[in-house]
Amino acid sequence: MSSIAVRWPDGHTTQETVGSDWLQAAAKAGVAIPTGCLGGSCGACEIELNGKVVRACISTVPPSKSGQLSVDFATDPHW
């Protein structure tokens, strides 16, 4: 599998494997993504991925033509 550079909300960048689980990738990078239902229905885990909102609990790290992804929190991470 290929890897991709991911810039996290705190500004640091890690190399992640394309197809890996977002919650596991974030935990490995030391980034806490809030969770709720873990089934994709509540929206607590929404992240912005290069400007597109995805639910981290049911999404995987996608490939990117640029070889880079930028992650931001779509909701307040402290709610």
PDB file of N, CA and C in Angstrom:
ATOM      1  N   MET A   1       0.834  -1.190   0.000  1.00  0.00           N
ATOM      2  CA  MET A   1       0.000   0.000   0.000  1.00  0.00           C
ATOM      3  C   MET A   1       0.877   1.251   0.000  1.00  0.00           C
ATOM      4  N   SER A   2       0.337   2.306  -0.548  1.00  0.00           N
ATOM      5  CA  SER A   2       1.101   3.547  -0.600  1.00  0.00           C
ATOM      6  C   SER A   2       0.819   4.396   0.629  1.00  0.00           C
ATOM      7  N   SER A   3       1.708   5.356   0.842  1.00  0.00           N
ATOM      8  CA  SER A   3       1.514   6.262   1.973  1.00  0.00           C
ATOM      9  C   SER A   3       1.298   7.676   1.449  1.00  0.00           C
ATOM     10  N   ILE A   4       0.763   8.511   2.323  1.00  0.00           N
ATOM     11  CA  ILE A   4       0.423   9.875   1.956  1.00  0.00           C
ATOM     12  C   ILE A   4       0.724  10.790   3.140  1.00  0.00           C
ATOM     13  N   ALA A   5       1.135  12.009   2.859  1.00  0.00           N
ATOM     14  CA  ALA A   5       1.411  12.983   3.917  1.00  0.00           C
ATOM     15  C   ALA A   5       0.096  13.573   4.408  1.00  0.00           C
ATOM     16  N   VAL A   6      -0.109  13.542   5.720  1.00  0.00           N
ATOM     17  CA  VAL A   6      -1.323  14.091   6.320  1.00  0.00           C
ATOM     18  C   VAL A   6      -0.934  15.202   7.285  1.00  0.00           C
ATOM     19  N   ARG A   7      -1.471  16.421   7.040  1.00  0.00           N
ATOM     20  CA  ARG A   7      -1.253  17.537   7.958  1.00  0.00           C
ATOM     21  C   ARG A   7      -2.445  17.597   8.894  1.00  0.00           C
ATOM     22  N   TRP A   8      -2.171  17.470  10.183  1.00  0.00           N
ATOM     23  CA  TRP A   8      -3.198  17.412  11.219  1.00  0.00           C
ATOM     24  C   TRP A   8      -3.564  18.812  11.706  1.00  0.00           C
ATOM     25  N   PRO A   9      -4.705  18.956  12.421  1.00  0.00           N
ATOM     26  CA  PRO A   9      -5.134  20.284  12.886  1.00  0.00           C
ATOM     27  C   PRO A   9      -4.112  21.024  13.750  1.00  0.00           C
ATOM     28  N   ASP A  10      -3.244  20.289  14.438  1.00  0.00           N
ATOM     29  CA  ASP A  10      -2.243  20.961  15.278  1.00  0.00           C
ATOM     30  C   ASP A  10      -1.015  21.402  14.491  1.00  0.00           C
ATOM     31  N   GLY A  11      -1.017  21.163  13.163  1.00  0.00           N
ATOM     32  CA  GLY A  11       0.056  21.641  12.302  1.00  0.00           C
ATOM     33  C   GLY A  11       1.142  20.640  11.971  1.00  0.00           C
ATOM     34  N   HIS A  12       1.225  19.513  12.697  1.00  0.00           N
ATOM     35  CA  HIS A  12       2.282  18.561  12.366  1.00  0.00           C
ATOM     36  C   HIS A  12       1.823  17.612  11.258  1.00  0.00           C
ATOM     37  N   THR A  13       2.777  17.016  10.580  1.00  0.00           N
ATOM     38  CA  THR A  13       2.506  16.137   9.442  1.00  0.00           C
ATOM     39  C   THR A  13       3.060  14.750   9.721  1.00  0.00           C
ATOM     40  N   THR A  14       2.275  13.741   9.343  1.00  0.00           N
ATOM     41  CA  THR A  14       2.715  12.356   9.452  1.00  0.00           C
ATOM     42  C   THR A  14       2.494  11.659   8.120  1.00  0.00           C
ATOM     43  N   GLN A  15       3.130  10.528   7.948  1.00  0.00           N
ATOM     44  CA  GLN A  15       2.899   9.676   6.783  1.00  0.00           C
ATOM     45  C   GLN A  15       1.904   8.597   7.193  1.00  0.00           C
ATOM     46  N   GLU A  16       0.809   8.486   6.455  1.00  0.00           N
ATOM     47  CA  GLU A  16      -0.220   7.498   6.759  1.00  0.00           C
ATOM     48  C   GLU A  16      -0.433   6.592   5.553  1.00  0.00           C
ATOM     49  N   THR A  17      -0.853   5.378   5.811  1.00  0.00           N
ATOM     50  CA  THR A  17      -1.102   4.404   4.755  1.00  0.00           C
ATOM     51  C   THR A  17      -2.478   4.638   4.140  1.00  0.00           C
ATOM     52  N   VAL A  18      -2.528   4.726   2.814  1.00  0.00           N
ATOM     53  CA  VAL A  18      -3.794   4.858   2.109  1.00  0.00           C
ATOM     54  C   VAL A  18      -4.646   3.634   2.428  1.00  0.00           C
ATOM     55  N   GLY A  19      -5.898   3.869   2.800  1.00  0.00           N
ATOM     56  CA  GLY A  19      -6.810   2.787   3.146  1.00  0.00           C
ATOM     57  C   GLY A  19      -6.893   2.493   4.634  1.00  0.00           C
ATOM     58  N   SER A  20      -6.040   3.154   5.424  1.00  0.00           N
ATOM     59  CA  SER A  20      -6.085   2.914   6.870  1.00  0.00           C
ATOM     60  C   SER A  20      -7.238   3.691   7.500  1.00  0.00           C
ATOM     61  N   ASP A  21      -7.674   3.233   8.646  1.00  0.00           N
ATOM     62  CA  ASP A  21      -8.778   3.830   9.384  1.00  0.00           C
ATOM     63  C   ASP A  21      -8.374   5.208   9.917  1.00  0.00           C
ATOM     64  N   TRP A  22      -9.246   6.220   9.743  1.00  0.00           N
ATOM     65  CA  TRP A  22      -8.925   7.573  10.198  1.00  0.00           C
ATOM     66  C   TRP A  22      -8.726   7.656  11.701  1.00  0.00           C
ATOM     67  N   LEU A  23      -9.569   6.978  12.473  1.00  0.00           N
ATOM     68  CA  LEU A  23      -9.444   7.069  13.931  1.00  0.00           C
ATOM     69  C   LEU A  23      -8.134   6.460  14.406  1.00  0.00           C
ATOM     70  N   GLN A  24      -7.721   5.353  13.797  1.00  0.00           N
ATOM     71  CA  GLN A  24      -6.443   4.738  14.167  1.00  0.00           C
ATOM     72  C   GLN A  24      -5.272   5.613  13.733  1.00  0.00           C
ATOM     73  N   ALA A  25      -5.350   6.184  12.538  1.00  0.00           N
ATOM     74  CA  ALA A  25      -4.276   7.064  12.054  1.00  0.00           C
ATOM     75  C   ALA A  25      -4.135   8.280  12.969  1.00  0.00           C
ATOM     76  N   ALA A  26      -5.266   8.850  13.367  1.00  0.00           N
ATOM     77  CA  ALA A  26      -5.234  10.020  14.248  1.00  0.00           C
ATOM     78  C   ALA A  26      -4.644   9.662  15.609  1.00  0.00           C
ATOM     79  N   ALA A  27      -5.068   8.542  16.161  1.00  0.00           N
ATOM     80  CA  ALA A  27      -4.549   8.114  17.466  1.00  0.00           C
ATOM     81  C   ALA A  27      -3.037   7.905  17.397  1.00  0.00           C
ATOM     82  N   LYS A  28      -2.570   7.284  16.321  1.00  0.00           N
ATOM     83  CA  LYS A  28      -1.127   7.058  16.131  1.00  0.00           C
ATOM     84  C   LYS A  28      -0.378   8.389  16.050  1.00  0.00           C
ATOM     85  N   ALA A  29      -1.040   9.407  15.477  1.00  0.00           N
ATOM     86  CA  ALA A  29      -0.427  10.726  15.327  1.00  0.00           C
ATOM     87  C   ALA A  29      -0.591  11.588  16.573  1.00  0.00           C
ATOM     88  N   GLY A  30      -1.301  11.074  17.583  1.00  0.00           N
ATOM     89  CA  GLY A  30      -1.513  11.830  18.810  1.00  0.00           C
ATOM     90  C   GLY A  30      -2.619  12.866  18.710  1.00  0.00           C
ATOM     91  N   VAL A  31      -3.519  12.689  17.750  1.00  0.00           N
ATOM     92  CA  VAL A  31      -4.637  13.608  17.541  1.00  0.00           C
ATOM     93  C   VAL A  31      -5.924  12.911  17.981  1.00  0.00           C
ATOM     94  N   ALA A  32      -6.665  13.553  18.863  1.00  0.00           N
ATOM     95  CA  ALA A  32      -7.920  12.986  19.355  1.00  0.00           C
ATOM     96  C   ALA A  32      -9.087  13.504  18.524  1.00  0.00           C
ATOM     97  N   ILE A  33      -9.714  12.605  17.772  1.00  0.00           N
ATOM     98  CA  ILE A  33     -10.925  12.946  17.043  1.00  0.00           C
ATOM     99  C   ILE A  33     -12.091  12.525  17.925  1.00  0.00           C
ATOM    100  N   PRO A  34     -12.996  13.452  18.245  1.00  0.00           N
ATOM    101  CA  PRO A  34     -14.134  13.095  19.094  1.00  0.00           C
ATOM    102  C   PRO A  34     -14.992  12.033  18.405  1.00  0.00           C
ATOM    103  N   THR A  35     -15.568  11.143  19.186  1.00  0.00           N
ATOM    104  CA  THR A  35     -16.442  10.112  18.635  1.00  0.00           C
ATOM    105  C   THR A  35     -17.731  10.054  19.430  1.00  0.00           C
ATOM    106  N   GLY A  36     -18.716   9.464  18.833  1.00  0.00           N
ATOM    107  CA  GLY A  36     -20.003   9.274  19.494  1.00  0.00           C
ATOM    108  C   GLY A  36     -20.480   7.859  19.230  1.00  0.00           C
ATOM    109  N   CYS A  37     -21.228   7.696  18.155  1.00  0.00           N
ATOM    110  CA  CYS A  37     -21.877   6.421  17.868  1.00  0.00           C
ATOM    111  C   CYS A  37     -20.946   5.378  17.237  1.00  0.00           C
ATOM    112  N   LEU A  38     -19.881   5.819  16.601  1.00  0.00           N
ATOM    113  CA  LEU A  38     -18.940   4.966  15.857  1.00  0.00           C
ATOM    114  C   LEU A  38     -19.602   4.212  14.705  1.00  0.00           C
ATOM    115  N   GLY A  39     -20.754   4.720  14.264  1.00  0.00           N
ATOM    116  CA  GLY A  39     -21.453   4.101  13.148  1.00  0.00           C
ATOM    117  C   GLY A  39     -21.779   5.065  12.020  1.00  0.00           C
ATOM    118  N   GLY A  40     -21.357   6.312  12.167  1.00  0.00           N
ATOM    119  CA  GLY A  40     -21.543   7.295  11.108  1.00  0.00           C
ATOM    120  C   GLY A  40     -22.809   8.114  11.176  1.00  0.00           C
ATOM    121  N   SER A  41     -23.656   7.888  12.190  1.00  0.00           N
ATOM    122  CA  SER A  41     -24.924   8.614  12.206  1.00  0.00           C
ATOM    123  C   SER A  41     -24.927   9.886  13.050  1.00  0.00           C
ATOM    124  N   CYS A  42     -24.072  10.011  14.065  1.00  0.00           N
ATOM    125  CA  CYS A  42     -24.176  11.168  14.960  1.00  0.00           C
ATOM    126  C   CYS A  42     -23.384  12.390  14.486  1.00  0.00           C
ATOM    127  N   GLY A  43     -22.327  12.197  13.733  1.00  0.00           N
ATOM    128  CA  GLY A  43     -21.544  13.313  13.213  1.00  0.00           C
ATOM    129  C   GLY A  43     -20.488  13.870  14.143  1.00  0.00           C
ATOM    130  N   ALA A  44     -20.316  13.294  15.331  1.00  0.00           N
ATOM    131  CA  ALA A  44     -19.324  13.811  16.281  1.00  0.00           C
ATOM    132  C   ALA A  44     -17.905  13.754  15.726  1.00  0.00           C
ATOM    133  N   CYS A  45     -17.631  12.801  14.859  1.00  0.00           N
ATOM    134  CA  CYS A  45     -16.269  12.586  14.360  1.00  0.00           C
ATOM    135  C   CYS A  45     -15.997  13.273  13.031  1.00  0.00           C
ATOM    136  N   GLU A  46     -16.848  14.208  12.624  1.00  0.00           N
ATOM    137  CA  GLU A  46     -16.649  14.849  11.330  1.00  0.00           C
ATOM    138  C   GLU A  46     -15.336  15.626  11.285  1.00  0.00           C
ATOM    139  N   ILE A  47     -14.598  15.394  10.210  1.00  0.00           N
ATOM    140  CA  ILE A  47     -13.362  16.122   9.937  1.00  0.00           C
ATOM    141  C   ILE A  47     -13.465  16.706   8.537  1.00  0.00           C
ATOM    142  N   GLU A  48     -12.738  17.793   8.316  1.00  0.00           N
ATOM    143  CA  GLU A  48     -12.638  18.352   6.972  1.00  0.00           C
ATOM    144  C   GLU A  48     -11.365  17.811   6.359  1.00  0.00           C
ATOM    145  N   LEU A  49     -11.519  17.157   5.238  1.00  0.00           N
ATOM    146  CA  LEU A  49     -10.404  16.534   4.540  1.00  0.00           C
ATOM    147  C   LEU A  49     -10.227  17.264   3.217  1.00  0.00           C
ATOM    148  N   ASN A  50      -9.203  18.133   3.155  1.00  0.00           N
ATOM    149  CA  ASN A  50      -8.988  18.996   1.986  1.00  0.00           C
ATOM    150  C   ASN A  50     -10.270  19.752   1.655  1.00  0.00           C
ATOM    151  N   GLY A  51     -10.993  20.204   2.702  1.00  0.00           N
ATOM    152  CA  GLY A  51     -12.187  21.009   2.517  1.00  0.00           C
ATOM    153  C   GLY A  51     -13.484  20.227   2.408  1.00  0.00           C
ATOM    154  N   LYS A  52     -13.419  18.905   2.305  1.00  0.00           N
ATOM    155  CA  LYS A  52     -14.618  18.069   2.194  1.00  0.00           C
ATOM    156  C   LYS A  52     -14.886  17.417   3.547  1.00  0.00           C
ATOM    157  N   VAL A  53     -16.125  17.503   4.035  1.00  0.00           N
ATOM    158  CA  VAL A  53     -16.466  16.931   5.329  1.00  0.00           C
ATOM    159  C   VAL A  53     -16.700  15.431   5.186  1.00  0.00           C
ATOM    160  N   VAL A  54     -15.998  14.650   6.026  1.00  0.00           N
ATOM    161  CA  VAL A  54     -16.185  13.201   6.080  1.00  0.00           C
ATOM    162  C   VAL A  54     -16.347  12.784   7.535  1.00  0.00           C
ATOM    163  N   ARG A  55     -16.944  11.655   7.764  1.00  0.00           N
ATOM    164  CA  ARG A  55     -17.090  11.109   9.110  1.00  0.00           C
ATOM    165  C   ARG A  55     -15.972  10.098   9.320  1.00  0.00           C
ATOM    166  N   ALA A  56     -15.061  10.435  10.218  1.00  0.00           N
ATOM    167  CA  ALA A  56     -13.836   9.664  10.413  1.00  0.00           C
ATOM    168  C   ALA A  56     -14.100   8.227  10.845  1.00  0.00           C
ATOM    169  N   CYS A  57     -15.186   7.982  11.578  1.00  0.00           N
ATOM    170  CA  CYS A  57     -15.424   6.641  12.100  1.00  0.00           C
ATOM    171  C   CYS A  57     -15.773   5.630  11.012  1.00  0.00           C
ATOM    172  N   ILE A  58     -16.213   6.102   9.847  1.00  0.00           N
ATOM    173  CA  ILE A  58     -16.583   5.185   8.774  1.00  0.00           C
ATOM    174  C   ILE A  58     -15.790   5.457   7.496  1.00  0.00           C
ATOM    175  N   SER A  59     -14.707   6.210   7.607  1.00  0.00           N
ATOM    176  CA  SER A  59     -13.906   6.574   6.436  1.00  0.00           C
ATOM    177  C   SER A  59     -12.474   6.086   6.591  1.00  0.00           C
ATOM    178  N   THR A  60     -11.815   5.944   5.453  1.00  0.00           N
ATOM    179  CA  THR A  60     -10.408   5.564   5.457  1.00  0.00           C
ATOM    180  C   THR A  60      -9.589   6.647   4.765  1.00  0.00           C
ATOM    181  N   VAL A  61      -8.292   6.601   4.974  1.00  0.00           N
ATOM    182  CA  VAL A  61      -7.374   7.564   4.367  1.00  0.00           C
ATOM    183  C   VAL A  61      -7.386   7.336   2.849  1.00  0.00           C
ATOM    184  N   PRO A  62      -7.825   8.347   2.076  1.00  0.00           N
ATOM    185  CA  PRO A  62      -7.914   8.176   0.625  1.00  0.00           C
ATOM    186  C   PRO A  62      -6.613   8.548  -0.081  1.00  0.00           C
ATOM    187  N   PRO A  63      -6.465   8.110  -1.314  1.00  0.00           N
ATOM    188  CA  PRO A  63      -5.328   8.582  -2.104  1.00  0.00           C
ATOM    189  C   PRO A  63      -5.560  10.043  -2.490  1.00  0.00           C
ATOM    190  N   SER A  64      -4.507  10.739  -2.844  1.00  0.00           N
ATOM    191  CA  SER A  64      -4.611  12.124  -3.288  1.00  0.00           C
ATOM    192  C   SER A  64      -3.613  12.350  -4.408  1.00  0.00           C
ATOM    193  N   LYS A  65      -4.060  12.975  -5.464  1.00  0.00           N
ATOM    194  CA  LYS A  65      -3.170  13.247  -6.600  1.00  0.00           C
ATOM    195  C   LYS A  65      -1.954  14.063  -6.177  1.00  0.00           C
ATOM    196  N   SER A  66      -2.149  14.962  -5.196  1.00  0.00           N
ATOM    197  CA  SER A  66      -1.043  15.810  -4.752  1.00  0.00           C
ATOM    198  C   SER A  66      -0.106  15.075  -3.792  1.00  0.00           C
ATOM    199  N   GLY A  67      -0.554  13.925  -3.269  1.00  0.00           N
ATOM    200  CA  GLY A  67       0.259  13.190  -2.307  1.00  0.00           C
ATOM    201  C   GLY A  67       0.158  13.748  -0.900  1.00  0.00           C
ATOM    202  N   GLN A  68      -0.775  14.700  -0.684  1.00  0.00           N
ATOM    203  CA  GLN A  68      -0.935  15.326   0.621  1.00  0.00           C
ATOM    204  C   GLN A  68      -2.408  15.483   0.945  1.00  0.00           C
ATOM    205  N   LEU A  69      -2.722  15.392   2.234  1.00  0.00           N
ATOM    206  CA  LEU A  69      -4.068  15.638   2.724  1.00  0.00           C
ATOM    207  C   LEU A  69      -3.980  16.593   3.904  1.00  0.00           C
ATOM    208  N   SER A  70      -4.959  17.466   4.028  1.00  0.00           N
ATOM    209  CA  SER A  70      -5.018  18.393   5.142  1.00  0.00           C
ATOM    210  C   SER A  70      -6.283  18.096   5.939  1.00  0.00           C
ATOM    211  N   VAL A  71      -6.113  17.829   7.236  1.00  0.00           N
ATOM    212  CA  VAL A  71      -7.232  17.503   8.114  1.00  0.00           C
ATOM    213  C   VAL A  71      -7.493  18.668   9.053  1.00  0.00           C
ATOM    214  N   ASP A  72      -8.750  19.063   9.159  1.00  0.00           N
ATOM    215  CA  ASP A  72      -9.194  20.057  10.134  1.00  0.00           C
ATOM    216  C   ASP A  72     -10.443  19.509  10.803  1.00  0.00           C
ATOM    217  N   PHE A  73     -10.731  19.989  12.003  1.00  0.00           N
ATOM    218  CA  PHE A  73     -11.951  19.571  12.681  1.00  0.00           C
ATOM    219  C   PHE A  73     -13.131  20.312  12.070  1.00  0.00           C
ATOM    220  N   ALA A  74     -14.196  19.563  11.735  1.00  0.00           N
ATOM    221  CA  ALA A  74     -15.397  20.170  11.169  1.00  0.00           C
ATOM    222  C   ALA A  74     -16.313  20.692  12.257  1.00  0.00           C
ATOM    223  N   THR A  75     -16.179  20.127  13.465  1.00  0.00           N
ATOM    224  CA  THR A  75     -16.979  20.560  14.609  1.00  0.00           C
ATOM    225  C   THR A  75     -16.037  20.937  15.737  1.00  0.00           C
ATOM    226  N   ASP A  76     -16.551  21.552  16.750  1.00  0.00           N
ATOM    227  CA  ASP A  76     -15.756  21.924  17.917  1.00  0.00           C
ATOM    228  C   ASP A  76     -15.241  20.651  18.591  1.00  0.00           C
ATOM    229  N   PRO A  77     -13.928  20.436  18.653  1.00  0.00           N
ATOM    230  CA  PRO A  77     -13.406  19.201  19.230  1.00  0.00           C
ATOM    231  C   PRO A  77     -13.601  19.089  20.740  1.00  0.00           C
ATOM    232  N   HIS A  78     -14.140  20.106  21.358  1.00  0.00           N
ATOM    233  CA  HIS A  78     -14.300  20.097  22.812  1.00  0.00           C
ATOM    234  C   HIS A  78     -15.760  20.076  23.250  1.00  0.00           C
ATOM    235  N   TRP A  79     -16.664  19.725  22.349  1.00  0.00           N
ATOM    236  CA  TRP A  79     -18.095  19.748  22.704  1.00  0.00           C
ATOM    237  C   TRP A  79     -18.493  18.679  23.647  1.00  0.00           C
TER     238      TRP A  79
END
